[in-house]
Amino acid sequence: MNIYVGQLPYTMTEDEVREMFSEYGEIASLNLIMDKYSGQSKGFGFIDMPNNSEADKAIKALNKSMLKGREIKVNQAEERRKKSKFRRRSY
């Protein structure tokens, strides 16, 4: 299951996020979104957990929990919409 994690403190590292989620099960991949110019975290990321029941436990346990003074948001990630080749123009 692909999990969205938002409202993360900007100082969080991938290792810290991995440690937090690994308590609930196996992590197949973890991707913190970073600003391409500054290299600083944008405060959100995605975690892929292959076992859905472990992922559900992580979501229930961590959603709305406090982390370094911030209430984080954890839920199942929505499937990414495909970008259209053509942009709609408004006139």
Protein backbone atom coordinates (compact mmCIF):
# COMPACT_ATOMS: atom_id res chain seq x y z
CA MET A 1 0.00 0.00 0.00
CA ASN A 2 1.28 3.46 -0.85
CA ILE A 3 1.03 5.83 2.11
CA TYR A 4 1.10 9.64 2.08
CA VAL A 5 2.79 11.35 5.04
CA GLY A 6 2.29 15.10 5.33
CA GLN A 7 2.97 17.95 7.74
CA LEU A 8 6.38 16.44 8.55
CA PRO A 9 8.88 18.69 10.31
CA TYR A 10 11.31 20.01 7.70
CA THR A 11 14.22 18.66 9.74
CA MET A 12 13.06 15.02 9.49
CA THR A 13 15.42 12.69 7.66
CA GLU A 14 14.57 9.58 5.66
CA ASP A 15 16.19 7.45 8.36
CA GLU A 16 13.95 8.95 11.05
CA VAL A 17 10.80 8.40 8.98
CA ARG A 18 11.91 4.84 8.13
CA GLU A 19 12.50 4.10 11.82
CA MET A 20 9.06 5.45 12.74
CA PHE A 21 7.21 3.31 10.16
CA SER A 22 9.35 0.16 10.47
CA GLU A 23 7.81 -0.44 13.91
CA TYR A 24 4.63 -1.46 12.05
CA GLY A 25 6.12 -3.63 9.32
CA GLU A 26 8.26 -3.92 6.21
CA ILE A 27 8.95 -0.84 4.12
CA ALA A 28 9.49 -1.47 0.41
CA SER A 29 10.36 2.13 -0.42
CA LEU A 30 10.41 5.59 1.10
CA ASN A 31 10.54 8.89 -0.76
CA LEU A 32 10.72 12.22 1.05
CA ILE A 33 10.03 15.06 -1.36
CA MET A 34 12.88 17.56 -1.45
CA ASP A 35 13.11 21.04 -2.93
CA LYS A 36 15.31 20.72 -6.00
CA TYR A 37 17.04 24.05 -5.44
CA SER A 38 17.64 24.16 -1.69
CA GLY A 39 17.74 20.40 -1.03
CA GLN A 40 15.49 20.95 2.00
CA SER A 41 12.54 18.67 2.72
CA LYS A 42 9.14 19.94 1.57
CA GLY A 43 7.51 18.33 4.61
CA PHE A 44 5.83 15.37 2.93
CA GLY A 45 6.64 12.03 1.40
CA PHE A 46 5.45 8.60 0.35
CA ILE A 47 6.05 5.19 1.88
CA ASP A 48 5.27 1.88 0.22
CA MET A 49 4.45 -1.00 2.57
CA PRO A 50 3.78 -4.32 0.80
CA ASN A 51 1.58 -5.75 3.58
CA ASN A 52 -1.77 -3.91 3.66
CA SER A 53 -2.64 -4.88 7.23
CA GLU A 54 0.71 -3.54 8.47
CA ALA A 55 0.16 -0.36 6.45
CA ASP A 56 -3.32 0.07 7.97
CA LYS A 57 -1.85 -0.31 11.48
CA ALA A 58 0.76 2.35 10.71
CA ILE A 59 -1.88 4.74 9.35
CA LYS A 60 -4.16 4.28 12.36
CA ALA A 61 -1.33 4.65 14.85
CA LEU A 62 0.48 7.60 13.28
CA ASN A 63 -2.24 9.77 11.71
CA LYS A 64 -2.71 13.01 13.71
CA SER A 65 0.16 12.12 16.04
CA MET A 66 2.51 14.84 17.26
CA LEU A 67 6.05 14.81 15.92
CA LYS A 68 8.55 17.52 16.88
CA GLY A 69 5.70 19.94 17.58
CA ARG A 70 3.70 19.22 14.42
CA GLU A 71 0.57 17.11 13.93
CA ILE A 72 1.40 14.81 11.03
CA LYS A 73 -1.09 13.54 8.47
CA VAL A 74 -0.87 9.88 7.43
CA ASN A 75 -3.27 8.22 4.99
CA GLN A 76 -3.47 5.98 1.96
CA ALA A 77 -2.06 7.85 -1.01
CA GLU A 78 -4.40 8.57 -3.86
CA GLU A 79 -3.37 7.25 -7.22
CA ARG A 80 -1.58 9.88 -9.23
CA ARG A 81 -3.59 11.33 -12.08
CA LYS A 82 -2.01 11.20 -15.49
CA LYS A 83 -1.01 14.53 -16.94
CA SER A 84 -2.68 15.47 -20.17
CA LYS A 85 -0.55 16.33 -23.17
CA PHE A 86 -2.76 19.29 -23.79
CA ARG A 87 -3.41 22.03 -21.30
CA ARG A 88 -6.83 23.51 -21.08
CA ARG A 89 -6.88 27.19 -21.72
CA SER A 90 -9.34 29.54 -20.17
CA TYR A 91 -10.26 32.57 -22.21
